[in-house]
């Protein structure tokens, strides 16, 4: 009984970390897009 509760808890923690990692990737992707737009505006301003 104790073992199954322990396994469930471990799986829950792993699922939590994976979901946070997925959110982090989306945030980094969005940040990259914002930086790209900023770079394009700077390039347009120097022409």
N, C-alpha and C. Protein backbone atom coordinates (compact mmCIF):
# COMPACT_ATOMS: atom_id res chain seq x y z
N UNK A 1 0.83 -1.20 0.00
CA UNK A 1 0.00 0.00 0.00
C UNK A 1 0.87 1.25 0.00
N UNK A 2 1.86 1.30 0.88
CA UNK A 2 2.74 2.47 0.95
C UNK A 2 3.48 2.68 -0.36
N UNK A 3 3.85 1.58 -1.00
CA UNK A 3 4.59 1.66 -2.25
C UNK A 3 3.76 2.28 -3.36
N UNK A 4 2.48 1.94 -3.44
CA UNK A 4 1.65 2.50 -4.51
C UNK A 4 1.40 3.99 -4.30
N UNK A 5 1.29 4.43 -3.06
CA UNK A 5 1.13 5.87 -2.78
C UNK A 5 2.41 6.60 -3.15
N UNK A 6 3.55 5.99 -2.84
CA UNK A 6 4.84 6.60 -3.18
C UNK A 6 4.99 6.71 -4.70
N UNK A 7 4.63 5.66 -5.42
CA UNK A 7 4.73 5.70 -6.89
C UNK A 7 3.81 6.76 -7.47
N UNK A 8 2.61 6.89 -6.93
CA UNK A 8 1.67 7.90 -7.41
C UNK A 8 2.21 9.30 -7.18
N UNK A 9 2.80 9.51 -6.02
CA UNK A 9 3.36 10.82 -5.71
C UNK A 9 4.52 11.15 -6.65
N UNK A 10 5.37 10.18 -6.90
CA UNK A 10 6.51 10.40 -7.81
C UNK A 10 6.01 10.73 -9.21
N UNK A 11 5.00 10.00 -9.68
CA UNK A 11 4.45 10.28 -11.01
C UNK A 11 3.81 11.67 -11.08
N UNK A 12 3.16 12.07 -10.01
CA UNK A 12 2.55 13.40 -9.96
C UNK A 12 3.62 14.49 -10.03
N UNK A 13 4.70 14.31 -9.30
CA UNK A 13 5.79 15.30 -9.31
C UNK A 13 6.43 15.37 -10.70
N UNK A 14 6.66 14.21 -11.32
CA UNK A 14 7.25 14.19 -12.66
C UNK A 14 6.33 14.88 -13.66
N UNK A 15 5.03 14.62 -13.57
CA UNK A 15 4.07 15.26 -14.47
C UNK A 15 4.09 16.78 -14.28
N UNK A 16 4.23 17.22 -13.04
CA UNK A 16 4.30 18.65 -12.76
C UNK A 16 5.53 19.29 -13.40
N UNK A 17 6.67 18.63 -13.26
CA UNK A 17 7.90 19.16 -13.86
C UNK A 17 7.81 19.21 -15.38
N UNK A 18 7.22 18.17 -15.98
CA UNK A 18 7.09 18.16 -17.43
C UNK A 18 6.16 19.26 -17.92
N UNK A 19 5.09 19.52 -17.19
CA UNK A 19 4.18 20.59 -17.61
C UNK A 19 4.85 21.95 -17.47
N UNK A 20 5.64 22.14 -16.42
CA UNK A 20 6.36 23.40 -16.26
C UNK A 20 7.42 23.56 -17.35
N UNK A 21 8.06 22.47 -17.72
CA UNK A 21 9.06 22.54 -18.79
C UNK A 21 8.40 22.93 -20.11
N UNK A 22 7.21 22.41 -20.36
CA UNK A 22 6.48 22.77 -21.57
C UNK A 22 6.12 24.24 -21.60
N UNK A 23 5.71 24.77 -20.46
CA UNK A 23 5.39 26.20 -20.38
C UNK A 23 6.64 27.04 -20.59
N UNK A 24 7.76 26.59 -20.07
CA UNK A 24 9.02 27.32 -20.24
C UNK A 24 9.42 27.40 -21.69
N UNK A 25 9.21 26.32 -22.42
CA UNK A 25 9.57 26.31 -23.84
C UNK A 25 8.70 27.31 -24.61
N UNK A 26 7.41 27.35 -24.30
CA UNK A 26 6.53 28.29 -24.99
C UNK A 26 6.92 29.72 -24.68
N UNK A 27 7.31 29.99 -23.44
CA UNK A 27 7.72 31.33 -23.05
C UNK A 27 9.00 31.73 -23.78
N UNK A 28 9.97 30.84 -23.85
CA UNK A 28 11.22 31.13 -24.54
C UNK A 28 10.97 31.36 -26.02
N UNK A 29 10.07 30.59 -26.59
CA UNK A 29 9.74 30.75 -28.02
C UNK A 29 9.12 32.13 -28.26
N UNK A 30 8.20 32.54 -27.40
CA UNK A 30 7.58 33.85 -27.52
C UNK A 30 8.59 34.97 -27.34
N UNK A 31 9.52 34.79 -26.40
CA UNK A 31 10.56 35.78 -26.18
C UNK A 31 11.43 35.93 -27.42
N UNK A 32 11.74 34.80 -28.06
CA UNK A 32 12.55 34.84 -29.29
C UNK A 32 11.84 35.60 -30.39
N UNK A 33 10.54 35.42 -30.51
CA UNK A 33 9.78 36.15 -31.53
C UNK A 33 9.79 37.65 -31.24
N UNK A 34 9.64 38.02 -29.96
CA UNK A 34 9.67 39.43 -29.59
C UNK A 34 11.03 40.05 -29.90
N UNK A 35 12.09 39.32 -29.61
CA UNK A 35 13.43 39.84 -29.89
C UNK A 35 13.66 39.99 -31.39
N UNK A 36 13.12 39.06 -32.17
CA UNK A 36 13.26 39.14 -33.62
C UNK A 36 12.56 40.39 -34.15
N UNK A 37 11.36 40.67 -33.66
CA UNK A 37 10.63 41.86 -34.09
C UNK A 37 11.39 43.13 -33.71
N UNK A 38 11.97 43.14 -32.52
CA UNK A 38 12.75 44.31 -32.08
C UNK A 38 13.94 44.52 -33.00
N UNK A 39 14.64 43.42 -33.34
CA UNK A 39 15.78 43.52 -34.24
C UNK A 39 15.38 44.04 -35.61
N UNK A 40 14.23 43.61 -36.11
CA UNK A 40 13.76 44.07 -37.41
C UNK A 40 13.46 45.57 -37.37
N UNK A 41 12.88 46.05 -36.28
CA UNK A 41 12.58 47.48 -36.16
C UNK A 41 13.87 48.31 -36.12
N UNK A 42 14.87 47.77 -35.43
CA UNK A 42 16.17 48.48 -35.39
C UNK A 42 16.79 48.53 -36.76
N UNK A 43 16.72 47.43 -37.49
CA UNK A 43 17.28 47.40 -38.85
C UNK A 43 16.53 48.37 -39.75
N UNK A 44 15.20 48.42 -39.65
CA UNK A 44 14.41 49.34 -40.46
C UNK A 44 14.76 50.79 -40.11
N UNK A 45 15.06 51.06 -38.86
CA UNK A 45 15.39 52.42 -38.43
C UNK A 45 16.75 52.88 -38.94
N UNK A 46 17.65 51.95 -39.24
CA UNK A 46 18.99 52.32 -39.71
C UNK A 46 19.06 52.49 -41.21
N UNK A 47 17.99 52.19 -41.93
CA UNK A 47 18.01 52.31 -43.40
C UNK A 47 17.71 53.71 -43.83
